[in-house]
Amino acid sequence: MTAAQLGLLIGVAVFGAVFLGAVDGTVPSADGSADALWAACVALAGAALRGALMSLSRRVGNLR
C-alpha cells in the first residue's frame, strides 16, 4: 500500500515537472499551456505503453 502511494506521489511530481519544464516564458499563455499539456500527455502515453509492455512480458514469461 505504501509503495503504491509513493509511486503515485513520484509520478505526479515527475509529470508535473515535465509540464512545468515544457512551459516557456514567465507569463502563462494559452499556446504555452497547450504545448506543455501536449508534452505531458506524450510522456504519460509513453509511460502507459511501457507499463503495458512490462505487464505483457511478465504474463508471457509466466506461461513458459
N, C-alpha and C. Protein backbone atom coordinates (compact mmCIF):
# COMPACT_ATOMS: atom_id res chain seq x y z
N MET A 1 0.82 -1.18 0.00
CA MET A 1 0.00 0.00 0.00
C MET A 1 0.87 1.25 0.00
N THR A 2 1.88 1.29 0.85
CA THR A 2 2.75 2.45 0.93
C THR A 2 3.54 2.62 -0.36
N ALA A 3 3.98 1.53 -0.95
CA ALA A 3 4.74 1.61 -2.20
C ALA A 3 3.89 2.18 -3.32
N ALA A 4 2.62 1.82 -3.36
CA ALA A 4 1.73 2.35 -4.39
C ALA A 4 1.52 3.85 -4.21
N GLN A 5 1.36 4.28 -2.97
CA GLN A 5 1.18 5.71 -2.71
C GLN A 5 2.46 6.48 -3.04
N LEU A 6 3.59 5.91 -2.72
CA LEU A 6 4.87 6.55 -3.06
C LEU A 6 5.04 6.63 -4.57
N GLY A 7 4.65 5.59 -5.28
CA GLY A 7 4.71 5.60 -6.73
C GLY A 7 3.82 6.68 -7.33
N LEU A 8 2.62 6.82 -6.79
CA LEU A 8 1.72 7.87 -7.27
C LEU A 8 2.31 9.25 -7.00
N LEU A 9 2.88 9.44 -5.84
CA LEU A 9 3.48 10.73 -5.49
C LEU A 9 4.63 11.07 -6.43
N ILE A 10 5.49 10.11 -6.69
CA ILE A 10 6.62 10.35 -7.59
C ILE A 10 6.12 10.59 -9.01
N GLY A 11 5.11 9.86 -9.43
CA GLY A 11 4.56 10.06 -10.77
C GLY A 11 3.99 11.45 -10.96
N VAL A 12 3.24 11.93 -9.98
CA VAL A 12 2.68 13.28 -10.07
C VAL A 12 3.81 14.31 -10.12
N ALA A 13 4.84 14.11 -9.31
CA ALA A 13 5.95 15.05 -9.29
C ALA A 13 6.71 15.06 -10.62
N VAL A 14 6.93 13.88 -11.19
CA VAL A 14 7.68 13.80 -12.45
C VAL A 14 6.89 14.43 -13.59
N PHE A 15 5.61 14.08 -13.71
CA PHE A 15 4.84 14.63 -14.82
C PHE A 15 4.50 16.11 -14.60
N GLY A 16 4.44 16.55 -13.36
CA GLY A 16 4.33 17.98 -13.09
C GLY A 16 5.58 18.71 -13.52
N ALA A 17 6.74 18.10 -13.29
CA ALA A 17 7.99 18.70 -13.73
C ALA A 17 8.09 18.74 -15.25
N VAL A 18 7.59 17.68 -15.91
CA VAL A 18 7.57 17.68 -17.38
C VAL A 18 6.70 18.81 -17.89
N PHE A 19 5.53 18.98 -17.28
CA PHE A 19 4.62 20.04 -17.69
C PHE A 19 5.25 21.41 -17.48
N LEU A 20 5.78 21.65 -16.29
CA LEU A 20 6.35 22.95 -15.99
C LEU A 20 7.63 23.21 -16.79
N GLY A 21 8.37 22.15 -17.11
CA GLY A 21 9.56 22.32 -17.93
C GLY A 21 9.23 22.64 -19.37
N ALA A 22 8.06 22.23 -19.82
CA ALA A 22 7.67 22.50 -21.20
C ALA A 22 7.07 23.89 -21.37
N VAL A 23 6.64 24.51 -20.28
CA VAL A 23 6.09 25.86 -20.36
C VAL A 23 7.26 26.82 -20.48
N ASP A 24 7.25 27.63 -21.53
CA ASP A 24 8.33 28.59 -21.71
C ASP A 24 7.81 30.00 -21.43
N GLY A 25 8.67 30.84 -20.93
CA GLY A 25 8.28 32.21 -20.63
C GLY A 25 7.76 32.33 -19.21
N THR A 26 7.60 33.57 -18.79
CA THR A 26 7.16 33.81 -17.42
C THR A 26 5.66 34.10 -17.35
N VAL A 27 5.08 34.58 -18.43
CA VAL A 27 3.65 34.89 -18.46
C VAL A 27 2.92 33.71 -19.09
N PRO A 28 2.00 33.09 -18.36
CA PRO A 28 1.28 31.96 -18.94
C PRO A 28 0.43 32.40 -20.13
N SER A 29 0.45 31.59 -21.16
CA SER A 29 -0.37 31.87 -22.33
C SER A 29 -1.07 30.58 -22.74
N ALA A 30 -2.10 30.72 -23.55
CA ALA A 30 -2.84 29.54 -24.00
C ALA A 30 -1.96 28.64 -24.85
N ASP A 31 -1.15 29.23 -25.72
CA ASP A 31 -0.26 28.42 -26.56
C ASP A 31 0.78 27.68 -25.74
N GLY A 32 1.37 28.37 -24.78
CA GLY A 32 2.37 27.73 -23.93
C GLY A 32 1.78 26.61 -23.10
N SER A 33 0.60 26.82 -22.57
CA SER A 33 -0.06 25.78 -21.78
C SER A 33 -0.45 24.59 -22.63
N ALA A 34 -0.91 24.85 -23.85
CA ALA A 34 -1.29 23.77 -24.76
C ALA A 34 -0.08 22.94 -25.13
N ASP A 35 1.04 23.60 -25.40
CA ASP A 35 2.26 22.86 -25.74
C ASP A 35 2.75 22.03 -24.55
N ALA A 36 2.68 22.61 -23.36
CA ALA A 36 3.10 21.88 -22.17
C ALA A 36 2.18 20.70 -21.89
N LEU A 37 0.88 20.89 -22.10
CA LEU A 37 -0.07 19.79 -21.91
C LEU A 37 0.20 18.67 -22.91
N TRP A 38 0.52 19.04 -24.13
CA TRP A 38 0.85 18.04 -25.16
C TRP A 38 2.09 17.25 -24.75
N ALA A 39 3.12 17.93 -24.27
CA ALA A 39 4.35 17.24 -23.84
C ALA A 39 4.06 16.30 -22.67
N ALA A 40 3.25 16.74 -21.72
CA ALA A 40 2.92 15.89 -20.58
C ALA A 40 2.08 14.68 -21.02
N CYS A 41 1.17 14.88 -21.97
CA CYS A 41 0.35 13.76 -22.47
C CYS A 41 1.20 12.74 -23.21
N VAL A 42 2.16 13.20 -23.98
CA VAL A 42 3.06 12.28 -24.68
C VAL A 42 3.88 11.48 -23.68
N ALA A 43 4.36 12.16 -22.64
CA ALA A 43 5.13 11.46 -21.60
C ALA A 43 4.26 10.44 -20.88
N LEU A 44 3.02 10.79 -20.57
CA LEU A 44 2.12 9.86 -19.91
C LEU A 44 1.78 8.66 -20.80
N ALA A 45 1.58 8.92 -22.09
CA ALA A 45 1.29 7.83 -23.02
C ALA A 45 2.49 6.89 -23.12
N GLY A 46 3.68 7.44 -23.13
CA GLY A 46 4.89 6.61 -23.16
C GLY A 46 5.02 5.76 -21.91
N ALA A 47 4.72 6.35 -20.76
CA ALA A 47 4.78 5.59 -19.51
C ALA A 47 3.72 4.49 -19.48
N ALA A 48 2.53 4.79 -19.98
CA ALA A 48 1.46 3.78 -20.02
C ALA A 48 1.83 2.64 -20.96
N LEU A 49 2.40 2.97 -22.10
CA LEU A 49 2.82 1.94 -23.04
C LEU A 49 3.91 1.06 -22.44
N ARG A 50 4.85 1.70 -21.77
CA ARG A 50 5.92 0.93 -21.14
C ARG A 50 5.36 -0.01 -20.07
N GLY A 51 4.42 0.49 -19.27
CA GLY A 51 3.80 -0.36 -18.25
C GLY A 51 3.04 -1.52 -18.85
N ALA A 52 2.33 -1.27 -19.95
CA ALA A 52 1.59 -2.34 -20.61
C ALA A 52 2.55 -3.39 -21.17
N LEU A 53 3.64 -2.95 -21.76
CA LEU A 53 4.61 -3.90 -22.31
C LEU A 53 5.29 -4.70 -21.21
N MET A 54 5.57 -4.06 -20.09
CA MET A 54 6.17 -4.79 -18.97
C MET A 54 5.20 -5.83 -18.42
N SER A 55 3.93 -5.47 -18.32
CA SER A 55 2.92 -6.41 -17.84
C SER A 55 2.77 -7.59 -18.80
N LEU A 56 2.78 -7.28 -20.09
CA LEU A 56 2.66 -8.34 -21.09
C LEU A 56 3.86 -9.28 -21.05
N SER A 57 5.05 -8.73 -20.88
CA SER A 57 6.24 -9.58 -20.84
C SER A 57 6.24 -10.47 -19.60
N ARG A 58 5.70 -9.99 -18.50
CA ARG A 58 5.61 -10.83 -17.30
C ARG A 58 4.62 -11.97 -17.51
N ARG A 59 3.49 -11.65 -18.17
CA ARG A 59 2.49 -12.71 -18.40
C ARG A 59 3.03 -13.76 -19.35
N VAL A 60 3.72 -13.35 -20.39
CA VAL A 60 4.30 -14.31 -21.33
C VAL A 60 5.37 -15.14 -20.63
N GLY A 61 6.16 -14.50 -19.76
CA GLY A 61 7.18 -15.23 -19.02
C GLY A 61 6.60 -16.26 -18.07
N ASN A 62 5.43 -15.97 -17.52
CA ASN A 62 4.80 -16.91 -16.59
C ASN A 62 4.16 -18.10 -17.31
N LEU A 63 3.88 -17.96 -18.59
CA LEU A 63 3.26 -19.05 -19.34
C LEU A 63 4.25 -20.14 -19.70
N ARG A 64 5.51 -19.82 -19.68
CA ARG A 64 6.52 -20.81 -20.08
C ARG A 64 6.78 -21.82 -19.02
